[in-house]
């Protein structure tokens, strides 16, 4: 069972639109160890590394799986994704992005840990 109250996925400006439009969040394969424990309904957030904003609130629309879209985040749609650990999502509540300076202290213990 998952022991957290939500999962934060990361993106950059050039991948954020695809995350939103395709209703899919993804991470590199080593993150499957905890993403596989995501069940539908779990709160999800999207952290944009470029503008340092935490976006949401989303919720999992599927369980965490490998390669829901094996070609996601590829500019020309060919080749295999660098982010095969994936979960489908849906928007719960559209909020103004929360800047990292406001929440870093809250997640600090998990910030640099797997």
N, C-alpha and C. Protein backbone atom coordinates (compact mmCIF):
# COMPACT_ATOMS: atom_id res chain seq x y z
N UNK A 1 0.84 -1.18 0.00
CA UNK A 1 0.00 0.00 0.00
C UNK A 1 0.88 1.24 0.00
N UNK A 2 0.33 2.29 -0.52
CA UNK A 2 1.08 3.54 -0.57
C UNK A 2 0.97 4.25 0.77
N UNK A 3 2.06 4.83 1.24
CA UNK A 3 2.07 5.43 2.56
C UNK A 3 2.14 6.95 2.51
N UNK A 4 1.91 7.52 1.34
CA UNK A 4 1.93 8.97 1.23
C UNK A 4 0.53 9.47 0.89
N UNK A 5 0.37 10.77 0.97
CA UNK A 5 -0.92 11.36 0.66
C UNK A 5 -0.97 11.96 -0.73
N UNK A 6 0.04 11.73 -1.52
CA UNK A 6 0.08 12.27 -2.87
C UNK A 6 1.44 12.04 -3.48
N UNK A 7 1.53 12.25 -4.78
CA UNK A 7 2.78 12.09 -5.50
C UNK A 7 3.00 13.33 -6.35
N UNK A 8 4.24 13.81 -6.35
CA UNK A 8 4.62 14.95 -7.16
C UNK A 8 5.42 14.43 -8.36
N UNK A 9 4.92 14.75 -9.55
CA UNK A 9 5.64 14.44 -10.79
C UNK A 9 6.36 15.69 -11.24
N UNK A 10 7.39 15.55 -12.03
CA UNK A 10 8.15 16.69 -12.51
C UNK A 10 7.99 16.86 -14.01
N UNK A 11 8.21 18.09 -14.46
CA UNK A 11 8.19 18.39 -15.88
C UNK A 11 9.04 19.62 -16.12
N UNK A 12 9.23 19.93 -17.39
CA UNK A 12 9.86 21.18 -17.80
C UNK A 12 8.86 21.88 -18.71
N UNK A 13 9.14 23.11 -19.06
CA UNK A 13 8.21 23.87 -19.90
C UNK A 13 7.83 23.10 -21.16
N UNK A 14 8.82 22.44 -21.79
CA UNK A 14 8.54 21.77 -23.06
C UNK A 14 7.79 20.45 -22.90
N UNK A 15 7.68 19.90 -21.69
CA UNK A 15 6.92 18.66 -21.49
C UNK A 15 5.59 18.90 -20.76
N UNK A 16 5.42 20.07 -20.18
CA UNK A 16 4.23 20.33 -19.39
C UNK A 16 2.95 20.26 -20.22
N UNK A 17 2.96 20.90 -21.39
CA UNK A 17 1.75 20.88 -22.21
C UNK A 17 1.33 19.47 -22.57
N UNK A 18 2.29 18.61 -22.88
CA UNK A 18 1.94 17.23 -23.22
C UNK A 18 1.35 16.52 -22.02
N UNK A 19 1.90 16.76 -20.83
CA UNK A 19 1.34 16.16 -19.61
C UNK A 19 -0.13 16.56 -19.45
N UNK A 20 -0.42 17.83 -19.65
CA UNK A 20 -1.77 18.35 -19.46
C UNK A 20 -2.70 17.86 -20.58
N UNK A 21 -2.28 18.01 -21.83
CA UNK A 21 -3.14 17.65 -22.95
C UNK A 21 -3.41 16.15 -23.05
N UNK A 22 -2.41 15.34 -22.74
CA UNK A 22 -2.57 13.89 -22.86
C UNK A 22 -3.06 13.24 -21.57
N UNK A 23 -3.30 14.06 -20.55
CA UNK A 23 -3.81 13.53 -19.27
C UNK A 23 -2.92 12.42 -18.72
N UNK A 24 -1.59 12.62 -18.83
CA UNK A 24 -0.64 11.58 -18.46
C UNK A 24 0.59 12.20 -17.82
N UNK A 25 0.99 11.66 -16.69
CA UNK A 25 2.25 12.05 -16.06
C UNK A 25 3.21 10.89 -16.19
N UNK A 26 4.49 11.20 -16.32
CA UNK A 26 5.49 10.14 -16.46
C UNK A 26 6.79 10.49 -15.77
N UNK A 27 7.51 9.45 -15.40
CA UNK A 27 8.82 9.58 -14.76
C UNK A 27 9.75 8.52 -15.34
N UNK A 28 11.07 8.67 -15.14
CA UNK A 28 12.00 7.63 -15.58
C UNK A 28 11.72 6.29 -14.88
N UNK A 29 12.15 5.21 -15.50
CA UNK A 29 11.87 3.84 -15.02
C UNK A 29 12.23 3.58 -13.56
N UNK A 30 13.31 4.11 -13.00
CA UNK A 30 13.63 3.80 -11.60
C UNK A 30 12.54 4.23 -10.60
N UNK A 31 11.66 5.11 -10.99
CA UNK A 31 10.60 5.57 -10.10
C UNK A 31 9.41 4.62 -10.03
N UNK A 32 9.45 3.54 -10.81
CA UNK A 32 8.33 2.60 -10.80
C UNK A 32 8.14 1.96 -9.43
N UNK A 33 9.19 1.91 -8.62
CA UNK A 33 9.10 1.28 -7.30
C UNK A 33 7.99 1.88 -6.44
N UNK A 34 7.70 3.16 -6.59
CA UNK A 34 6.59 3.75 -5.83
C UNK A 34 5.40 4.12 -6.71
N UNK A 35 5.62 4.43 -7.98
CA UNK A 35 4.50 4.78 -8.85
C UNK A 35 3.58 3.58 -9.06
N UNK A 36 4.12 2.37 -9.00
CA UNK A 36 3.27 1.18 -9.17
C UNK A 36 2.23 1.05 -8.05
N UNK A 37 2.44 1.77 -6.95
CA UNK A 37 1.51 1.75 -5.83
C UNK A 37 0.41 2.80 -5.92
N UNK A 38 0.43 3.61 -6.97
CA UNK A 38 -0.60 4.63 -7.15
C UNK A 38 -1.90 3.96 -7.56
N UNK A 39 -2.96 4.30 -6.87
CA UNK A 39 -4.30 3.82 -7.20
C UNK A 39 -5.15 5.01 -7.65
N UNK A 40 -6.19 4.74 -8.44
CA UNK A 40 -7.08 5.83 -8.85
C UNK A 40 -7.59 6.63 -7.64
N UNK A 41 -7.62 7.94 -7.82
CA UNK A 41 -8.10 8.83 -6.76
C UNK A 41 -7.00 9.47 -5.94
N UNK A 42 -5.77 8.95 -6.02
CA UNK A 42 -4.67 9.52 -5.24
C UNK A 42 -4.35 10.92 -5.75
N UNK A 43 -4.18 11.91 -4.87
CA UNK A 43 -3.81 13.26 -5.31
C UNK A 43 -2.44 13.27 -6.00
N UNK A 44 -2.37 14.02 -7.09
CA UNK A 44 -1.14 14.17 -7.86
C UNK A 44 -0.88 15.65 -8.09
N UNK A 45 0.40 15.98 -8.21
CA UNK A 45 0.82 17.35 -8.47
C UNK A 45 1.89 17.32 -9.54
N UNK A 46 2.07 18.44 -10.22
CA UNK A 46 3.07 18.55 -11.28
C UNK A 46 3.97 19.73 -10.96
N UNK A 47 5.26 19.43 -10.74
CA UNK A 47 6.25 20.46 -10.43
C UNK A 47 7.00 20.80 -11.70
N UNK A 48 6.96 22.08 -12.09
CA UNK A 48 7.66 22.55 -13.26
C UNK A 48 9.04 23.04 -12.83
N UNK A 49 10.08 22.34 -13.26
CA UNK A 49 11.45 22.67 -12.87
C UNK A 49 11.90 24.02 -13.43
N UNK A 50 11.31 24.48 -14.51
CA UNK A 50 11.71 25.76 -15.08
C UNK A 50 11.19 26.96 -14.30
N UNK A 51 9.90 26.95 -13.97
CA UNK A 51 9.36 28.11 -13.25
C UNK A 51 9.21 27.85 -11.75
N UNK A 52 9.61 26.66 -11.30
CA UNK A 52 9.61 26.28 -9.88
C UNK A 52 8.23 26.31 -9.26
N UNK A 53 7.20 26.08 -10.08
CA UNK A 53 5.82 26.08 -9.60
C UNK A 53 5.24 24.69 -9.47
N UNK A 54 4.45 24.49 -8.44
CA UNK A 54 3.74 23.24 -8.21
C UNK A 54 2.31 23.42 -8.70
N UNK A 55 1.91 22.62 -9.67
CA UNK A 55 0.61 22.75 -10.31
C UNK A 55 -0.32 21.63 -9.87
N UNK A 56 -1.60 21.94 -9.84
CA UNK A 56 -2.59 20.94 -9.45
C UNK A 56 -3.86 21.65 -9.04
N UNK A 57 -4.71 20.92 -8.53
CA UNK A 57 -4.63 19.60 -7.92
C UNK A 57 -5.20 18.59 -8.92
N UNK A 58 -4.45 17.51 -9.16
CA UNK A 58 -4.88 16.44 -10.04
C UNK A 58 -5.16 15.20 -9.20
N UNK A 59 -5.76 14.20 -9.83
CA UNK A 59 -5.90 12.91 -9.16
C UNK A 59 -5.63 11.81 -10.17
N UNK A 60 -5.15 10.69 -9.68
CA UNK A 60 -4.87 9.55 -10.54
C UNK A 60 -6.18 9.03 -11.11
N UNK A 61 -6.19 8.83 -12.43
CA UNK A 61 -7.34 8.24 -13.11
C UNK A 61 -7.08 6.78 -13.45
N UNK A 62 -5.87 6.33 -13.14
CA UNK A 62 -5.49 4.93 -13.37
C UNK A 62 -4.50 4.54 -12.29
N UNK A 63 -4.17 3.29 -12.27
CA UNK A 63 -3.07 2.82 -11.43
C UNK A 63 -1.77 3.20 -12.14
N UNK A 64 -0.68 3.27 -11.37
CA UNK A 64 0.62 3.53 -11.96
C UNK A 64 1.07 2.30 -12.74
N UNK A 65 1.51 2.52 -13.98
CA UNK A 65 1.90 1.42 -14.87
C UNK A 65 3.12 1.81 -15.68
N UNK A 66 3.67 0.83 -16.35
CA UNK A 66 4.76 1.08 -17.30
C UNK A 66 4.17 1.23 -18.69
N UNK A 67 4.64 2.23 -19.41
CA UNK A 67 4.37 2.42 -20.83
C UNK A 67 2.90 2.48 -21.22
N UNK A 68 2.12 3.27 -20.49
CA UNK A 68 0.75 3.53 -20.93
C UNK A 68 0.81 4.13 -22.33
N UNK A 69 1.74 5.06 -22.52
CA UNK A 69 2.04 5.62 -23.84
C UNK A 69 3.54 5.46 -24.05
N UNK A 70 3.97 4.41 -24.76
CA UNK A 70 5.41 4.15 -24.92
C UNK A 70 6.14 5.19 -25.76
N UNK A 71 5.42 6.10 -26.42
CA UNK A 71 6.05 7.12 -27.26
C UNK A 71 5.83 8.53 -26.71
N UNK A 72 5.34 8.64 -25.48
CA UNK A 72 5.06 9.95 -24.89
C UNK A 72 6.31 10.80 -24.73
N UNK A 73 6.13 12.07 -24.86
CA UNK A 73 7.18 13.08 -24.68
C UNK A 73 8.30 12.95 -25.69
N UNK A 74 8.02 12.35 -26.84
CA UNK A 74 8.98 12.28 -27.94
C UNK A 74 8.54 13.33 -28.97
N UNK A 75 9.43 14.20 -29.35
CA UNK A 75 9.07 15.33 -30.22
C UNK A 75 8.40 14.90 -31.51
N UNK A 76 8.88 13.83 -32.14
CA UNK A 76 8.29 13.41 -33.40
C UNK A 76 7.41 12.17 -33.26
N UNK A 77 7.17 11.72 -32.03
CA UNK A 77 6.31 10.58 -31.79
C UNK A 77 6.94 9.23 -32.08
N UNK A 78 8.22 9.23 -32.44
CA UNK A 78 8.89 7.95 -32.69
C UNK A 78 9.88 7.68 -31.57
N UNK A 79 10.32 6.46 -31.48
CA UNK A 79 11.24 6.08 -30.42
C UNK A 79 10.50 5.82 -29.13
N UNK A 80 11.22 5.32 -28.16
CA UNK A 80 10.64 4.98 -26.86
C UNK A 80 10.81 6.16 -25.91
N UNK A 81 9.84 6.35 -25.06
CA UNK A 81 9.85 7.44 -24.10
C UNK A 81 10.96 7.28 -23.06
N UNK A 82 11.45 8.39 -22.56
CA UNK A 82 12.39 8.39 -21.43
C UNK A 82 11.64 8.33 -20.11
N UNK A 83 10.31 8.39 -20.18
CA UNK A 83 9.45 8.45 -19.00
C UNK A 83 8.41 7.33 -19.03
N UNK A 84 8.83 6.08 -18.93
CA UNK A 84 7.90 4.95 -19.07
C UNK A 84 7.05 4.67 -17.84
N UNK A 85 7.43 5.20 -16.68
CA UNK A 85 6.65 5.01 -15.46
C UNK A 85 5.54 6.05 -15.48
N UNK A 86 4.30 5.62 -15.69
CA UNK A 86 3.24 6.57 -16.02
C UNK A 86 1.96 6.32 -15.23
N UNK A 87 1.18 7.39 -15.14
CA UNK A 87 -0.16 7.30 -14.55
C UNK A 87 -1.06 8.29 -15.30
N UNK A 88 -2.26 7.85 -15.61
CA UNK A 88 -3.24 8.74 -16.21
C UNK A 88 -3.79 9.62 -15.10
N UNK A 89 -4.11 10.87 -15.45
CA UNK A 89 -4.60 11.80 -14.43
C UNK A 89 -5.78 12.57 -14.94
N UNK A 90 -6.48 13.20 -14.00
CA UNK A 90 -7.55 14.13 -14.35
C UNK A 90 -7.45 15.31 -13.38
N UNK A 91 -7.92 16.43 -13.82
CA UNK A 91 -7.88 17.65 -13.01
C UNK A 91 -8.96 17.59 -11.94
N UNK A 92 -8.56 17.83 -10.72
CA UNK A 92 -9.51 17.92 -9.60
C UNK A 92 -9.90 19.37 -9.36
N UNK A 93 -8.86 20.21 -9.24
CA UNK A 93 -9.07 21.61 -8.91
C UNK A 93 -7.94 22.41 -9.52
N UNK A 94 -8.28 23.37 -10.37
CA UNK A 94 -7.25 24.20 -10.99
C UNK A 94 -6.89 25.33 -10.02
N UNK A 95 -5.66 25.31 -9.56
CA UNK A 95 -5.18 26.31 -8.61
C UNK A 95 -4.03 27.10 -9.22
N UNK A 96 -3.82 28.28 -8.71
CA UNK A 96 -2.65 29.06 -9.09
C UNK A 96 -1.42 28.27 -8.65
N UNK A 97 -0.35 28.19 -9.48
CA UNK A 97 0.84 27.43 -9.08
C UNK A 97 1.41 27.94 -7.75
N UNK A 98 1.82 26.99 -6.94
CA UNK A 98 2.44 27.29 -5.65
C UNK A 98 3.95 27.29 -5.86
N UNK A 99 4.60 28.37 -5.53
CA UNK A 99 6.04 28.48 -5.74
C UNK A 99 6.81 27.64 -4.72
N UNK A 100 7.92 27.07 -5.15
CA UNK A 100 8.72 26.16 -4.34
C UNK A 100 9.12 26.77 -3.00
N UNK A 101 9.39 28.04 -2.96
CA UNK A 101 9.80 28.68 -1.71
C UNK A 101 8.73 28.54 -0.62
N UNK A 102 7.47 28.36 -1.03
CA UNK A 102 6.37 28.26 -0.07
C UNK A 102 6.13 26.85 0.45
N UNK A 103 6.59 25.82 -0.27
CA UNK A 103 6.31 24.45 0.18
C UNK A 103 7.55 23.59 0.39
N UNK A 104 8.72 24.07 0.05
CA UNK A 104 9.94 23.25 0.15
C UNK A 104 10.13 22.69 1.56
N UNK A 105 9.92 23.50 2.57
CA UNK A 105 10.12 23.05 3.96
C UNK A 105 9.20 21.88 4.32
N UNK A 106 8.02 21.85 3.75
CA UNK A 106 7.05 20.80 4.05
C UNK A 106 7.49 19.45 3.50
N UNK A 107 8.10 19.44 2.32
CA UNK A 107 8.50 18.17 1.69
C UNK A 107 10.00 17.91 1.80
N UNK A 108 10.70 18.73 2.56
CA UNK A 108 12.15 18.67 2.65
C UNK A 108 12.69 17.28 2.99
N UNK A 109 12.04 16.55 3.88
CA UNK A 109 12.53 15.23 4.27
C UNK A 109 12.50 14.24 3.12
N UNK A 110 11.59 14.42 2.17
CA UNK A 110 11.48 13.51 1.03
C UNK A 110 12.08 14.09 -0.24
N UNK A 111 12.51 15.33 -0.19
CA UNK A 111 12.91 16.06 -1.39
C UNK A 111 14.05 15.40 -2.15
N UNK A 112 15.05 14.90 -1.46
CA UNK A 112 16.21 14.32 -2.13
C UNK A 112 16.27 12.82 -1.95
N UNK A 113 15.20 12.20 -1.50
CA UNK A 113 15.17 10.75 -1.27
C UNK A 113 14.32 10.09 -2.33
N UNK A 114 14.62 8.81 -2.60
CA UNK A 114 13.79 8.03 -3.53
C UNK A 114 12.53 7.60 -2.84
